[in-house]
């Protein structure tokens, strides 16, 4: 930060923005994005992306701040320039954590996708809202079972008609 003019100001502003964006729940982002782009899965994807970028930005920045200075000093002592120092001393320290955080966030987004469906983002959440609107509250404990039933019924109907979903129907 000391290498860039105004680095501390940029750091403080960026961290504040990431903290504010991260503090807003994904479902709230979904409702806000629906106003911008309308109903649909695109709104759900944008809402998940906004929250994920803020969360990963925080985790990645903290990981970079806490790298071990020993390898950086050792590579610099050999006469390496700034890019070589980043390549050989910083990146090997942060890659495992970056991969772990990315996979964690992917898992969180898979679970959040259901919640985004409540705000018309599509997916399983769509079937939950549809069930509630139709008054089928007794079916609510198993919304994914209902979705699987619809999918299985569709596969069965295609098979009975001689059409397999993975293969085209045999010709003539």
Protein backbone atom coordinates (compact mmCIF):
# COMPACT_ATOMS: atom_id res chain seq x y z
CA UNK A 1 0.00 0.00 0.00
CA UNK A 2 2.89 2.35 0.60
CA UNK A 3 4.09 1.81 -2.98
CA UNK A 4 0.96 3.38 -4.46
CA UNK A 5 0.12 7.02 -4.01
CA UNK A 6 -3.01 7.20 -1.85
CA UNK A 7 -2.81 3.46 -1.14
CA UNK A 8 -4.23 3.73 2.37
CA UNK A 9 -7.24 5.71 1.12
CA UNK A 10 -7.90 3.18 -1.65
CA UNK A 11 -7.52 0.36 0.89
CA UNK A 12 -9.95 1.92 3.38
CA UNK A 13 -12.57 2.78 0.75
CA UNK A 14 -12.39 -0.66 -0.88
CA UNK A 15 -12.65 -2.51 2.44
CA UNK A 16 -15.60 -0.35 3.49
CA UNK A 17 -17.46 -1.01 0.23
CA UNK A 18 -16.81 -4.76 0.49
CA UNK A 19 -18.00 -4.81 4.11
CA UNK A 20 -21.21 -2.92 3.30
CA UNK A 21 -22.00 -5.12 0.28
CA UNK A 22 -21.22 -8.28 2.27
CA UNK A 23 -23.46 -7.16 5.14
CA UNK A 24 -26.54 -7.21 2.89
CA UNK A 25 -28.03 -10.70 2.64
CA UNK A 26 -28.28 -12.49 -0.70
CA UNK A 27 -32.08 -12.48 -0.67
CA UNK A 28 -32.09 -8.70 -0.23
CA UNK A 29 -29.68 -8.38 -3.16
CA UNK A 30 -32.07 -10.59 -5.11
CA UNK A 31 -34.97 -8.25 -4.42
CA UNK A 32 -32.88 -5.20 -5.35
CA UNK A 33 -31.66 -6.77 -8.59
CA UNK A 34 -35.20 -7.76 -9.60
CA UNK A 35 -36.02 -4.04 -9.68
CA UNK A 36 -33.05 -3.46 -11.99
CA UNK A 37 -33.36 -6.38 -14.43
CA UNK A 38 -36.78 -7.92 -13.78
CA UNK A 39 -37.82 -11.41 -12.75
CA UNK A 40 -35.86 -14.45 -13.83
CA UNK A 41 -32.76 -16.48 -13.25
CA UNK A 42 -30.51 -13.63 -14.41
CA UNK A 43 -31.52 -11.64 -11.33
CA UNK A 44 -30.60 -14.58 -9.11
CA UNK A 45 -27.21 -14.98 -10.74
CA UNK A 46 -26.43 -11.28 -10.33
CA UNK A 47 -27.48 -11.33 -6.67
CA UNK A 48 -25.26 -14.32 -5.92
CA UNK A 49 -22.39 -12.73 -7.86
CA UNK A 50 -22.58 -9.44 -5.96
CA UNK A 51 -22.51 -11.14 -2.57
CA UNK A 52 -19.83 -13.65 -3.62
CA UNK A 53 -17.49 -10.98 -4.99
CA UNK A 54 -17.70 -9.06 -1.72
CA UNK A 55 -17.16 -12.15 0.43
CA UNK A 56 -14.29 -13.47 -1.67
CA UNK A 57 -12.74 -10.00 -1.88
CA UNK A 58 -12.56 -9.87 1.90
CA UNK A 59 -11.16 -13.39 2.24
CA UNK A 60 -8.63 -12.97 -0.56
CA UNK A 61 -7.39 -9.61 0.71
CA UNK A 62 -6.91 -11.00 4.22
CA UNK A 63 -5.03 -13.98 2.83
CA UNK A 64 -2.66 -11.72 0.88
CA UNK A 65 -2.13 -9.50 3.94
CA UNK A 66 -1.11 -12.48 6.07
CA UNK A 67 1.47 -14.11 3.82
CA UNK A 68 4.81 -15.07 5.35
CA UNK A 69 7.35 -12.31 4.62
CA UNK A 70 10.29 -14.76 4.73
CA UNK A 71 9.96 -16.08 1.15
CA UNK A 72 9.37 -12.54 -0.14
CA UNK A 73 12.58 -11.32 1.50
CA UNK A 74 14.51 -14.36 0.24
CA UNK A 75 13.41 -13.90 -3.37
CA UNK A 76 14.06 -10.15 -3.19
CA UNK A 77 17.55 -10.82 -1.78
CA UNK A 78 18.40 -12.81 -4.91
CA UNK A 79 17.84 -9.69 -7.01
CA UNK A 80 14.36 -10.50 -8.30
CA UNK A 81 12.20 -7.68 -9.58
CA UNK A 82 8.64 -6.99 -8.37
CA UNK A 83 6.92 -9.36 -10.83
CA UNK A 84 9.35 -12.20 -10.09
CA UNK A 85 8.81 -11.68 -6.37
CA UNK A 86 5.05 -11.94 -6.81
CA UNK A 87 5.41 -15.01 -9.06
CA UNK A 88 7.84 -16.99 -6.89
CA UNK A 89 7.10 -15.82 -3.33
CA UNK A 90 3.51 -14.60 -3.07
CA UNK A 91 1.49 -16.73 -5.49
CA UNK A 92 2.68 -20.11 -4.11
CA UNK A 93 1.53 -19.00 -0.66
CA UNK A 94 -1.94 -17.84 -1.67
CA UNK A 95 -3.03 -20.38 -4.29
CA UNK A 96 -4.10 -23.14 -1.85
CA UNK A 97 -6.20 -20.74 0.21
CA UNK A 98 -7.70 -19.10 -2.87
CA UNK A 99 -8.78 -22.51 -4.19
CA UNK A 100 -10.22 -23.50 -0.81
CA UNK A 101 -12.17 -20.25 -0.46
CA UNK A 102 -13.43 -20.49 -4.04
CA UNK A 103 -14.73 -24.02 -3.49
CA UNK A 104 -16.32 -22.97 -0.21
CA UNK A 105 -18.06 -20.07 -1.91
CA UNK A 106 -19.23 -22.36 -4.72
CA UNK A 107 -20.82 -24.62 -2.09
CA UNK A 108 -22.45 -21.63 -0.38
CA UNK A 109 -23.81 -20.43 -3.73
CA UNK A 110 -25.29 -23.86 -4.47
CA UNK A 111 -27.26 -23.67 -1.21
CA UNK A 112 -28.15 -20.01 -1.73
CA UNK A 113 -29.53 -20.73 -5.20
CA UNK A 114 -32.59 -22.29 -3.57
CA UNK A 115 -33.17 -19.14 -1.54
CA UNK A 116 -32.77 -16.98 -4.64
CA UNK A 117 -35.55 -19.04 -6.23
CA UNK A 118 -37.91 -17.49 -3.70
CA UNK A 119 -37.41 -14.10 -5.35
CA UNK A 120 -38.24 -15.54 -8.78
CA UNK A 121 -34.69 -16.57 -9.59
CA UNK A 122 -35.88 -19.97 -10.80
CA UNK A 123 -34.67 -23.39 -9.68
CA UNK A 124 -36.06 -25.37 -6.75
CA UNK A 125 -37.19 -22.18 -5.03
CA UNK A 126 -39.66 -21.67 -7.88
CA UNK A 127 -41.39 -24.94 -6.96
CA UNK A 128 -41.51 -23.91 -3.31
CA UNK A 129 -43.23 -20.61 -4.17
CA UNK A 130 -45.58 -22.38 -6.58
CA UNK A 131 -46.59 -24.86 -3.88
CA UNK A 132 -47.24 -22.09 -1.36
CA UNK A 133 -49.34 -20.11 -3.84
CA UNK A 134 -51.46 -23.17 -4.60
CA UNK A 135 -52.08 -23.71 -0.88
CA UNK A 136 -50.13 -26.96 -0.66
CA UNK A 137 -48.49 -26.24 2.67
CA UNK A 138 -48.53 -29.92 3.64
CA UNK A 139 -46.07 -30.59 0.79
CA UNK A 140 -43.57 -27.98 1.95
CA UNK A 141 -41.20 -30.22 3.94
CA UNK A 142 -40.15 -31.91 0.69
CA UNK A 143 -40.02 -29.37 -2.14
CA UNK A 144 -37.02 -31.08 -3.73
CA UNK A 145 -38.94 -34.36 -3.71
CA UNK A 146 -41.67 -32.69 -5.73
CA UNK A 147 -39.13 -31.39 -8.23
CA UNK A 148 -37.56 -34.85 -8.50
CA UNK A 149 -41.04 -36.30 -9.02
CA UNK A 150 -41.71 -33.91 -11.90
CA UNK A 151 -38.33 -34.71 -13.44
CA UNK A 152 -38.78 -38.47 -13.04
CA UNK A 153 -42.32 -38.32 -14.44
CA UNK A 154 -41.00 -36.43 -17.48
CA UNK A 155 -38.26 -39.01 -18.04
CA UNK A 156 -40.78 -41.84 -17.74
CA UNK A 157 -43.13 -40.20 -20.24
CA UNK A 158 -40.28 -39.74 -22.72
CA UNK A 159 -39.18 -43.35 -22.34
CA UNK A 160 -42.72 -44.57 -22.88
CA UNK A 161 -42.89 -42.47 -26.04
CA UNK A 162 -39.60 -44.01 -27.23
CA UNK A 163 -37.58 -40.85 -26.66
CA UNK A 164 -34.63 -41.07 -24.32
CA UNK A 165 -33.41 -37.67 -22.98
CA UNK A 166 -29.72 -38.43 -23.51
CA UNK A 167 -30.05 -40.07 -26.95
CA UNK A 168 -32.04 -39.09 -29.99
CA UNK A 169 -34.92 -41.39 -30.93
CA UNK A 170 -33.97 -44.16 -33.40
CA UNK A 171 -34.79 -43.31 -36.98
CA UNK A 172 -37.20 -45.30 -38.86
